Amino acid sequence: YYGILGAGITFLVVNIVLLVADFIYVGKIINYSARNIIFYNLKILLAGFLMAFSVFFLLKYIPLYLSIAIGFIIFVLLALIFKLVNKEDINFLKGIIKIKKDAGQAIDNN
């Protein structure tokens, strides 16, 4: 009856219920700070909103792909400014990229 909108609302409600249930279950196994998780996610949302705002603003003046590229750069810079990413995360990503690059070269050599 509600079509795609109903499916979207159902998906959202079910995922919120599952998230709450996960927090309750995880809280029985390990100690965590819900305040820290909420604060961290609010910083991610703020960075995402600022990125989206910049892309929508830039669309008036430059092409879509360039707006998206600048929005990506803005998000990465905000992630660094808000300390959402640390050195360990960057080193982990470098390691993954190196492993994939090495695997690609090994395939090319065979």
Protein backbone atom coordinates (compact mmCIF):
# COMPACT_ATOMS: atom_id res chain seq x y z
CA TYR A 1 0.00 0.00 0.00
CA TYR A 2 2.80 2.45 0.89
CA GLY A 3 5.21 1.20 -1.76
CA ILE A 4 8.86 2.17 -1.63
CA LEU A 5 8.32 4.72 1.14
CA GLY A 6 6.79 2.04 3.36
CA ALA A 7 9.69 -0.31 2.66
CA GLY A 8 12.16 2.45 3.54
CA ILE A 9 10.39 3.29 6.80
CA THR A 10 10.19 -0.41 7.71
CA PHE A 11 13.90 -0.84 6.99
CA LEU A 12 14.76 2.17 9.17
CA VAL A 13 12.58 1.04 12.10
CA VAL A 14 13.88 -2.55 11.99
CA ASN A 15 17.49 -1.38 11.92
CA ILE A 16 16.93 0.96 14.87
CA VAL A 17 15.37 -1.91 16.85
CA LEU A 18 18.29 -4.18 15.94
CA LEU A 19 20.79 -1.49 16.93
CA VAL A 20 19.18 -1.05 20.35
CA ALA A 21 19.05 -4.82 20.84
CA ASP A 22 22.73 -5.08 19.86
CA PHE A 23 23.70 -2.41 22.39
CA ILE A 24 21.78 -4.23 25.12
CA TYR A 25 23.38 -7.58 24.26
CA VAL A 26 26.90 -6.17 23.87
CA GLY A 27 26.53 -4.34 27.18
CA LYS A 28 26.10 -7.71 28.88
CA ILE A 29 29.39 -8.98 27.43
CA ILE A 30 31.73 -5.98 27.45
CA ASN A 31 31.83 -2.56 29.04
CA TYR A 32 31.54 0.35 26.65
CA SER A 33 30.69 4.00 26.82
CA ALA A 34 27.47 4.82 24.99
CA ARG A 35 28.32 8.50 25.42
CA ASN A 36 31.61 8.07 23.51
CA ILE A 37 29.89 6.14 20.73
CA ILE A 38 27.17 8.78 20.38
CA PHE A 39 29.73 11.62 20.42
CA TYR A 40 31.87 9.87 17.79
CA ASN A 41 28.86 9.31 15.52
CA LEU A 42 27.73 12.92 15.91
CA LYS A 43 31.17 14.05 14.69
CA ILE A 44 30.81 11.74 11.66
CA LEU A 45 27.33 13.13 10.95
CA LEU A 46 28.61 16.71 11.23
CA ALA A 47 31.44 15.95 8.79
CA GLY A 48 28.95 14.29 6.43
CA PHE A 49 26.52 17.22 6.57
CA LEU A 50 29.31 19.72 5.96
CA MET A 51 30.51 17.64 3.01
CA ALA A 52 26.99 17.41 1.57
CA PHE A 53 26.43 21.15 2.04
CA SER A 54 29.67 21.93 0.26
CA VAL A 55 28.82 19.62 -2.66
CA PHE A 56 25.34 21.14 -3.07
CA PHE A 57 26.81 24.65 -2.87
CA LEU A 58 29.58 23.88 -5.36
CA LEU A 59 27.15 22.34 -7.86
CA LYS A 60 26.03 25.85 -8.76
CA TYR A 61 29.53 26.74 -9.92
CA ILE A 62 31.41 23.61 -11.01
CA PRO A 63 30.60 20.21 -12.58
CA LEU A 64 29.20 17.33 -10.53
CA TYR A 65 32.32 15.15 -10.54
CA LEU A 66 34.55 17.98 -9.40
CA SER A 67 32.04 18.90 -6.67
CA ILE A 68 32.08 15.31 -5.43
CA ALA A 69 35.88 15.20 -5.45
CA ILE A 70 36.09 18.41 -3.43
CA GLY A 71 33.39 17.10 -1.08
CA PHE A 72 35.47 13.96 -0.53
CA ILE A 73 38.53 16.05 0.27
CA ILE A 74 36.50 18.15 2.70
CA PHE A 75 35.20 15.01 4.44
CA VAL A 76 38.71 13.57 4.78
CA LEU A 77 40.03 16.86 6.17
CA LEU A 78 37.15 17.08 8.65
CA ALA A 79 37.74 13.45 9.69
CA LEU A 80 41.33 14.40 10.46
CA ILE A 81 40.37 17.64 12.23
CA PHE A 82 37.72 15.87 14.34
CA LYS A 83 40.24 13.09 15.04
CA LEU A 84 37.95 10.43 13.62
CA VAL A 85 40.99 8.82 12.02
CA ASN A 86 44.27 8.17 13.80
CA LYS A 87 47.74 7.04 12.70
CA GLU A 88 46.91 3.38 13.33
CA ASP A 89 43.93 3.61 10.96
CA ILE A 90 46.04 5.24 8.25
CA ASN A 91 48.80 2.64 8.61
CA PHE A 92 46.18 -0.13 8.45
CA LEU A 93 44.81 1.30 5.18
CA LYS A 94 48.32 1.64 3.76
CA GLY A 95 48.95 -2.01 4.61
CA ILE A 96 45.76 -3.11 2.86
CA ILE A 97 46.61 -1.07 -0.23
CA LYS A 98 50.14 -2.51 -0.28
CA ILE A 99 48.83 -6.08 0.06
CA LYS A 100 46.38 -5.56 -2.81
CA LYS A 101 49.07 -3.91 -4.94
CA ASP A 102 51.48 -6.79 -4.25
CA ALA A 103 48.76 -9.34 -5.04
CA GLY A 104 47.99 -7.56 -8.30
CA GLN A 105 51.65 -7.60 -9.33
CA ALA A 106 51.91 -11.30 -8.46
CA ILE A 107 48.95 -12.03 -10.72
CA ASP A 108 50.49 -9.96 -13.54
CA ASN A 109 53.80 -11.82 -13.22
CA ASN A 110 52.13 -15.22 -13.61
